[in-house]
Amino acid sequence: MTDIDPYDRATIDALITGYRDHYARDTYRAVAIEQEFRLPIFNPNSKRVSTSKTYEYAGKIDLLVDDPSQPGKIWLMDHKTTSEDIENPASSFWMRLRNATQPTHYQLALKQLGFEIDGCVWDVIKKPSIRPRKITKEEKKELEMFSTYHGVLIDMGYVPDIEQPEHYAARVLSDIRATPGKYFQRQIVPRTNEDLYEYASELFGISTRIRECETDGRFFKTGEPHSCTLYSRSCEYLPLCVREGSTFDYVQSPGHSELEDQGDGLKILTNSSLSMFRQCERKYRYRYVDGLKPIYESSSLGFGSAFHVAMNNFWADRLAPESERIYMKGVTVE
């Protein structure tokens, strides 16, 4: 697992254990894990087949699942961690997810490759609001008498005054087991052919606009001011935008480091890069044209990467038989 803060690691351990317990009777199986694709961007409004001569769109589909009780159906499953309340299915949080572009980006790709998907399963995991604290007298008694903390066995030879990662993980896990619906929720979001057509049009249109920006060498601050602060954090490129930072605060990094296949032909557009361009053209330039990446990344990114690895390991244990899996390499586009 990625080298992260011990308490973040404890949080992930508790969430994965709770997730495993909660979905112990789940019938979903993994039929594809981390499959990459690179595909032509076509113009669906053209009378003749017309594709971008500059860009391809690409991505890594984390997980496709099926259910033996529903033969022939396949779903894209996307995991998301959040600090927001997820128990109300009609909340603004779920409305935003239903409008998210990532499932559409992937489902369009799958359709081009000849795979019909029945929708996206948004698999949402809430990050605990619980924080480490002092151990109470009652909790110390429990540890001394039973070597348990909130009912969870603790293999430690002493009783500290402050919760260590093991104690914190036990208390989080206890809360998860008591109120699993607070931590784990799923919704299936379908994508119609009309949705895919609309996204294909948008994809071609944005790729055209990005080409114009690159040709002119002008990427405007289109995100100002709302994109300068997202999720209670300032944009990592704000110092450069206001001319108070230096490129020495950044390192050169491939724009799509999450992909193994960087390609040697057309340039790549991923859902992440497209989303960044929608946020702010200037921010896109810093990351995907100049190739600048902050030296010090947010701790939440480290948590997300480590949690992603843990979830992949979970689903690797639930793989369908080899003959029933889906592979995208070698698949040609008609």
Protein backbone atom coordinates (compact mmCIF):
# COMPACT_ATOMS: atom_id res chain seq x y z
CA MET A 1 0.00 0.00 0.00
CA THR A 2 1.11 3.58 -0.69
CA ASP A 3 3.19 5.11 2.11
CA ILE A 4 0.62 7.28 3.91
CA ASP A 5 -0.16 8.57 7.38
CA PRO A 6 -0.69 5.64 9.83
CA TYR A 7 -4.14 6.93 10.81
CA ASP A 8 -5.17 7.19 7.16
CA ARG A 9 -3.98 3.61 6.72
CA ALA A 10 -6.04 2.64 9.78
CA THR A 11 -9.07 4.35 8.23
CA ILE A 12 -8.63 2.38 5.01
CA ASP A 13 -8.21 -0.90 6.90
CA ALA A 14 -11.44 -0.26 8.82
CA LEU A 15 -13.36 0.76 5.69
CA ILE A 16 -12.22 -2.26 3.70
CA THR A 17 -13.04 -4.65 6.55
CA GLY A 18 -16.44 -3.02 6.96
CA TYR A 19 -17.02 -3.05 3.21
CA ARG A 20 -16.16 -6.75 3.06
CA ASP A 21 -18.56 -7.49 5.93
CA HIS A 22 -21.37 -5.37 4.50
CA TYR A 23 -21.19 -6.88 1.02
CA ALA A 24 -20.40 -10.43 2.14
CA ARG A 25 -23.48 -11.75 0.31
CA ASP A 26 -23.04 -9.50 -2.71
CA THR A 27 -23.37 -11.44 -5.99
CA TYR A 28 -21.39 -9.04 -8.19
CA ARG A 29 -18.23 -10.51 -9.75
CA ALA A 30 -15.38 -8.66 -11.42
CA VAL A 31 -15.15 -9.40 -15.15
CA ALA A 32 -12.53 -6.71 -15.89
CA ILE A 33 -10.12 -4.80 -13.66
CA GLU A 34 -8.06 -1.80 -14.83
CA GLN A 35 -8.54 -2.14 -18.58
CA GLU A 36 -7.09 0.67 -20.69
CA PHE A 37 -8.47 1.97 -23.97
CA ARG A 38 -7.42 4.46 -26.66
CA LEU A 39 -10.05 5.35 -29.25
CA PRO A 40 -10.66 7.85 -32.06
CA ILE A 41 -12.78 10.90 -31.31
CA PHE A 42 -15.49 11.02 -33.93
CA ASN A 43 -17.94 13.74 -34.91
CA PRO A 44 -21.44 12.25 -34.57
CA ASN A 45 -22.96 15.24 -36.38
CA SER A 46 -20.99 14.69 -39.59
CA LYS A 47 -22.71 13.01 -42.54
CA ARG A 48 -19.48 11.19 -43.34
CA VAL A 49 -17.16 9.49 -40.84
CA SER A 50 -15.05 12.26 -39.39
CA THR A 51 -12.52 11.86 -36.59
CA SER A 52 -10.08 14.16 -34.84
CA LYS A 53 -6.68 14.23 -36.53
CA THR A 54 -5.02 15.55 -33.36
CA TYR A 55 -6.49 13.69 -30.39
CA GLU A 56 -7.68 10.32 -29.21
CA TYR A 57 -9.64 9.80 -26.04
CA ALA A 58 -8.38 7.32 -23.52
CA GLY A 59 -8.81 6.03 -20.00
CA LYS A 60 -8.49 3.19 -17.56
CA ILE A 61 -11.72 1.46 -16.64
CA ASP A 62 -11.24 0.36 -13.05
CA LEU A 63 -13.95 -2.28 -12.84
CA LEU A 64 -16.64 -4.05 -14.83
CA VAL A 65 -18.95 -6.42 -12.95
CA ASP A 66 -21.60 -8.97 -13.74
CA ASP A 67 -24.11 -10.91 -11.67
CA PRO A 68 -24.63 -14.64 -12.32
CA SER A 69 -28.26 -14.23 -11.26
CA GLN A 70 -28.79 -11.82 -14.18
CA PRO A 71 -27.08 -13.47 -17.19
CA GLY A 72 -25.95 -11.18 -19.99
CA LYS A 73 -25.90 -7.98 -17.94
CA ILE A 74 -22.68 -6.06 -17.32
CA TRP A 75 -22.19 -2.90 -15.30
CA LEU A 76 -19.42 -0.38 -15.00
CA MET A 77 -18.65 0.02 -11.28
CA ASP A 78 -17.03 3.20 -10.07
CA HIS A 79 -15.89 3.68 -6.48
CA LYS A 80 -16.03 7.10 -4.88
CA THR A 81 -15.04 8.23 -1.41
CA THR A 82 -16.65 11.33 0.06
CA SER A 83 -17.09 13.20 3.33
CA GLU A 84 -20.68 14.13 2.44
CA ASP A 85 -23.86 12.49 3.69
CA ILE A 86 -24.76 9.63 1.32
CA GLU A 87 -27.87 8.15 2.98
CA ASN A 88 -30.39 10.38 1.20
CA PRO A 89 -30.74 9.06 -2.40
CA ALA A 90 -32.33 12.35 -3.52
CA SER A 91 -29.54 14.56 -2.15
CA SER A 92 -27.54 17.02 -4.24
CA PHE A 93 -24.55 14.68 -3.82
CA TRP A 94 -26.31 11.89 -5.73
CA MET A 95 -27.68 14.35 -8.29
CA ARG A 96 -24.11 15.47 -9.04
CA LEU A 97 -22.98 11.86 -9.42
CA ARG A 98 -25.83 11.09 -11.79
CA ASN A 99 -24.61 14.01 -13.91
CA ALA A 100 -20.92 13.02 -13.77
CA THR A 101 -19.11 12.62 -17.09
CA GLN A 102 -16.82 9.74 -16.11
CA PRO A 103 -19.39 6.93 -16.55
CA THR A 104 -20.43 8.42 -19.88
CA HIS A 105 -16.81 8.71 -21.03
CA TYR A 106 -16.24 5.03 -20.26
CA GLN A 107 -19.59 3.79 -21.54
CA LEU A 108 -19.08 5.55 -24.88
CA ALA A 109 -15.70 3.83 -25.17
CA LEU A 110 -17.20 0.45 -24.34
CA LYS A 111 -19.92 0.95 -26.93
CA GLN A 112 -17.30 1.81 -29.57
CA LEU A 113 -15.52 -1.41 -28.64
CA GLY A 114 -18.71 -3.42 -29.02
CA PHE A 115 -19.59 -3.95 -25.35
CA GLU A 116 -23.13 -3.08 -24.29
CA ILE A 117 -23.23 -1.97 -20.66
CA ASP A 118 -26.39 -1.80 -18.56
CA GLY A 119 -25.31 1.28 -16.61
CA CYS A 120 -22.89 2.48 -13.98
CA VAL A 121 -22.98 1.31 -10.38
CA TRP A 122 -21.82 4.20 -8.26
CA ASP A 123 -20.24 2.46 -5.28
CA VAL A 124 -19.89 5.21 -2.68
CA ILE A 125 -17.91 4.98 0.55
CA LYS A 126 -18.15 7.71 3.16
CA LYS A 127 -14.95 8.68 4.93
CA PRO A 128 -15.36 8.63 8.73
CA SER A 129 -15.88 11.90 10.53
CA ILE A 130 -14.50 10.20 13.66
CA ARG A 131 -11.07 11.47 14.72
CA PRO A 132 -8.44 9.96 17.07
CA ARG A 133 -8.92 10.98 20.71
CA LYS A 134 -7.96 10.13 24.32
CA ILE A 135 -8.91 6.68 25.58
CA THR A 136 -11.52 6.85 28.35
CA LYS A 137 -11.34 5.00 31.67
CA GLU A 138 -14.09 2.63 30.59
CA GLU A 139 -12.26 1.86 27.35
CA LYS A 140 -9.04 1.22 29.29
CA LYS A 141 -10.88 -1.28 31.49
CA GLU A 142 -12.16 -3.06 28.39
CA LEU A 143 -8.64 -3.25 26.98
CA GLU A 144 -7.14 -4.54 30.25
CA MET A 145 -9.86 -7.15 30.84
CA PHE A 146 -10.64 -8.40 27.33
CA SER A 147 -7.91 -7.00 25.02
CA THR A 148 -10.74 -5.51 22.96
CA TYR A 149 -11.58 -1.95 22.03
CA HIS A 150 -15.20 -1.28 21.16
CA GLY A 151 -15.58 -5.02 20.77
CA VAL A 152 -12.66 -5.41 18.35
CA LEU A 153 -9.62 -7.48 19.39
CA ILE A 154 -6.47 -5.36 19.87
CA ASP A 155 -3.14 -7.19 19.82
CA MET A 156 -1.10 -4.72 21.85
CA GLY A 157 0.81 -5.35 25.06
CA TYR A 158 0.10 -2.00 26.72
CA VAL A 159 -2.76 0.48 27.15
CA PRO A 160 -1.86 3.98 25.91
CA ASP A 161 -3.56 7.24 26.86
CA ILE A 162 -4.17 8.31 23.25
CA GLU A 163 -5.68 6.13 20.55
CA GLN A 164 -3.03 4.53 18.42
CA PRO A 165 -3.91 3.65 14.80
CA GLU A 166 -5.04 0.17 15.94
CA HIS A 167 -7.50 1.63 18.47
CA TYR A 168 -8.74 4.25 16.07
CA ALA A 169 -9.35 1.61 13.37
CA ALA A 170 -11.26 -0.53 15.88
CA ARG A 171 -13.54 2.35 16.89
CA VAL A 172 -14.20 3.26 13.25
CA LEU A 173 -14.94 -0.37 12.40
CA SER A 174 -17.31 -0.63 15.37
CA ASP A 175 -19.22 2.42 14.13
CA ILE A 176 -19.32 1.03 10.59
CA ARG A 177 -20.78 -2.27 11.81
CA ALA A 178 -23.38 -0.42 13.86
CA THR A 179 -24.45 1.94 11.04
CA PRO A 180 -23.29 0.49 7.68
CA GLY A 181 -25.79 2.53 5.67
CA LYS A 182 -24.01 5.69 6.77
CA TYR A 183 -20.81 4.46 5.15
CA PHE A 184 -21.84 2.37 2.13
CA GLN A 185 -24.42 3.15 -0.55
CA ARG A 186 -24.87 2.17 -4.19
CA GLN A 187 -26.96 3.50 -7.04
CA ILE A 188 -27.21 2.31 -10.63
CA VAL A 189 -27.12 5.16 -13.14
CA PRO A 190 -28.11 4.26 -16.72
CA ARG A 191 -26.84 6.05 -19.82
CA THR A 192 -29.16 6.19 -22.82
CA ASN A 193 -28.05 6.32 -26.45
CA GLU A 194 -29.12 9.97 -26.39
CA ASP A 195 -26.75 10.60 -23.47
CA LEU A 196 -23.89 8.93 -25.35
CA TYR A 197 -24.65 10.90 -28.54
CA GLU A 198 -24.63 14.16 -26.55
CA TYR A 199 -21.31 13.26 -24.91
CA ALA A 200 -19.73 12.27 -28.23
CA SER A 201 -20.72 15.68 -29.61
CA GLU A 202 -19.28 17.41 -26.56
CA LEU A 203 -16.09 15.37 -26.75
CA PHE A 204 -15.51 16.33 -30.38
CA GLY A 205 -16.36 19.98 -29.64
CA ILE A 206 -13.99 20.26 -26.66
CA SER A 207 -11.17 18.54 -28.55
CA THR A 208 -11.63 21.14 -31.29
CA ARG A 209 -11.46 23.95 -28.75
CA ILE A 210 -8.31 22.48 -27.12
CA ARG A 211 -6.66 22.30 -30.55
CA GLU A 212 -7.48 25.98 -31.11
CA CYS A 213 -5.91 26.88 -27.74
CA GLU A 214 -2.76 24.91 -28.52
CA THR A 215 -2.51 26.39 -32.02
CA ASP A 216 -2.88 29.96 -30.70
CA GLY A 217 -0.82 29.24 -27.59
CA ARG A 218 -3.52 30.96 -25.53
CA PHE A 219 -5.29 29.26 -22.63
CA PHE A 220 -7.53 31.72 -20.82
CA LYS A 221 -8.39 31.82 -17.11
CA THR A 222 -11.88 30.56 -17.82
CA GLY A 223 -12.31 29.12 -14.32
CA GLU A 224 -11.86 32.40 -12.48
CA PRO A 225 -12.95 32.77 -9.74
CA HIS A 226 -14.99 29.65 -8.89
CA SER A 227 -12.31 27.11 -9.90
CA CYS A 228 -9.59 28.89 -7.96
CA THR A 229 -10.93 27.17 -4.83
CA LEU A 230 -12.46 23.70 -5.05
CA TYR A 231 -13.29 21.33 -2.19
CA SER A 232 -12.08 23.99 0.29
CA ARG A 233 -8.60 23.96 -1.30
CA SER A 234 -6.90 26.51 -3.50
CA CYS A 235 -6.02 25.40 -7.01
CA GLU A 236 -2.50 23.98 -7.06
CA TYR A 237 -1.62 26.35 -9.91
CA LEU A 238 -3.02 29.52 -8.31
CA PRO A 239 0.46 30.84 -7.37
CA LEU A 240 1.49 30.66 -11.05
CA CYS A 241 -1.72 32.38 -12.16
CA VAL A 242 -1.20 35.33 -9.82
CA ARG A 243 2.53 35.42 -10.61
CA GLU A 244 3.54 34.74 -7.01
CA GLY A 245 4.86 31.22 -7.64
CA SER A 246 7.65 29.63 -9.61
CA THR A 247 7.90 26.58 -11.82
CA PHE A 248 10.58 25.43 -9.37
CA ASP A 249 7.65 24.51 -7.07
CA TYR A 250 6.62 21.88 -9.62
CA VAL A 251 8.12 18.83 -11.29
CA GLN A 252 7.87 17.69 -14.87
CA SER A 253 5.46 14.76 -15.08
CA PRO A 254 3.55 13.09 -17.93
CA GLY A 255 0.06 14.48 -18.15
CA HIS A 256 -1.54 11.05 -18.07
CA SER A 257 0.72 9.20 -15.66
CA GLU A 258 -2.16 6.89 -14.68
CA LEU A 259 -1.99 5.25 -18.13
CA GLU A 260 0.62 2.66 -19.02
CA ASP A 261 0.08 3.22 -22.75
CA GLN A 262 1.13 6.82 -23.40
CA GLY A 263 1.05 6.15 -27.13
CA ASP A 264 3.30 7.54 -29.82
CA GLY A 265 0.70 8.91 -32.22
CA LEU A 266 -2.19 11.26 -31.50
CA LYS A 267 -2.39 13.19 -28.26
CA ILE A 268 -4.54 11.80 -25.46
CA LEU A 269 -7.61 13.27 -23.80
CA THR A 270 -8.86 11.52 -20.66
CA ASN A 271 -11.91 12.23 -18.55
CA SER A 272 -9.62 13.87 -15.98
CA SER A 273 -7.99 16.18 -18.51
CA LEU A 274 -11.33 17.04 -20.12
CA SER A 275 -12.80 17.84 -16.70
CA MET A 276 -9.83 20.09 -15.95
CA PHE A 277 -10.26 21.92 -19.26
CA ARG A 278 -13.95 22.47 -18.41
CA GLN A 279 -12.87 23.89 -15.04
CA CYS A 280 -10.23 26.23 -16.41
CA GLU A 281 -8.27 26.40 -19.69
CA ARG A 282 -5.20 27.83 -17.94
CA LYS A 283 -5.17 25.03 -15.37
CA TYR A 284 -5.30 22.49 -18.23
CA ARG A 285 -2.30 24.14 -19.87
CA TYR A 286 -0.18 23.98 -16.73
CA ARG A 287 -0.92 20.27 -16.18
CA TYR A 288 -1.33 18.75 -19.63
CA VAL A 289 0.61 21.05 -21.97
CA ASP A 290 3.43 22.28 -19.73
CA GLY A 291 3.47 18.97 -17.81
CA LEU A 292 3.77 20.62 -14.39
CA LYS A 293 2.83 18.72 -11.25
CA PRO A 294 3.09 20.10 -7.69
CA ILE A 295 6.03 18.73 -5.72
CA TYR A 296 3.87 18.38 -2.64
CA GLU A 297 0.44 16.88 -3.32
CA SER A 298 -2.59 17.00 -1.06
CA SER A 299 -2.78 14.25 1.57
CA SER A 300 -6.27 13.44 0.29
CA LEU A 301 -4.72 12.33 -3.00
CA GLY A 302 -2.47 9.91 -1.12
CA PHE A 303 -5.48 8.54 0.72
CA GLY A 304 -7.41 8.15 -2.54
CA SER A 305 -4.56 6.29 -4.26
CA ALA A 306 -4.10 3.93 -1.33
CA PHE A 307 -7.83 3.27 -1.08
CA HIS A 308 -7.94 2.57 -4.82
CA VAL A 309 -5.25 -0.11 -4.41
CA ALA A 310 -7.14 -1.66 -1.50
CA MET A 311 -10.38 -1.82 -3.50
CA ASN A 312 -8.58 -3.40 -6.46
CA ASN A 313 -7.25 -6.09 -4.13
CA PHE A 314 -10.77 -6.69 -2.82
CA TRP A 315 -12.20 -7.20 -6.31
CA ALA A 316 -9.25 -9.29 -7.44
CA ASP A 317 -10.57 -11.87 -4.96
CA ARG A 318 -13.92 -11.77 -6.73
CA LEU A 319 -12.78 -12.33 -10.30
CA ALA A 320 -15.02 -14.32 -12.63
CA PRO A 321 -13.52 -17.41 -14.30
CA GLU A 322 -11.00 -16.61 -17.04
CA SER A 323 -13.41 -17.61 -19.83
CA GLU A 324 -15.98 -15.03 -18.63
CA ARG A 325 -13.68 -12.03 -18.29
CA ILE A 326 -13.49 -9.04 -20.62
CA TYR A 327 -10.24 -7.80 -22.17
CA MET A 328 -10.00 -4.68 -24.29
CA LYS A 329 -6.53 -5.10 -25.71
CA GLY A 330 -6.68 -6.47 -29.21
CA VAL A 331 -10.31 -5.40 -29.67
CA THR A 332 -10.72 -3.42 -32.87
CA VAL A 333 -13.22 -0.63 -33.54
CA GLU A 334 -15.58 -1.30 -36.42
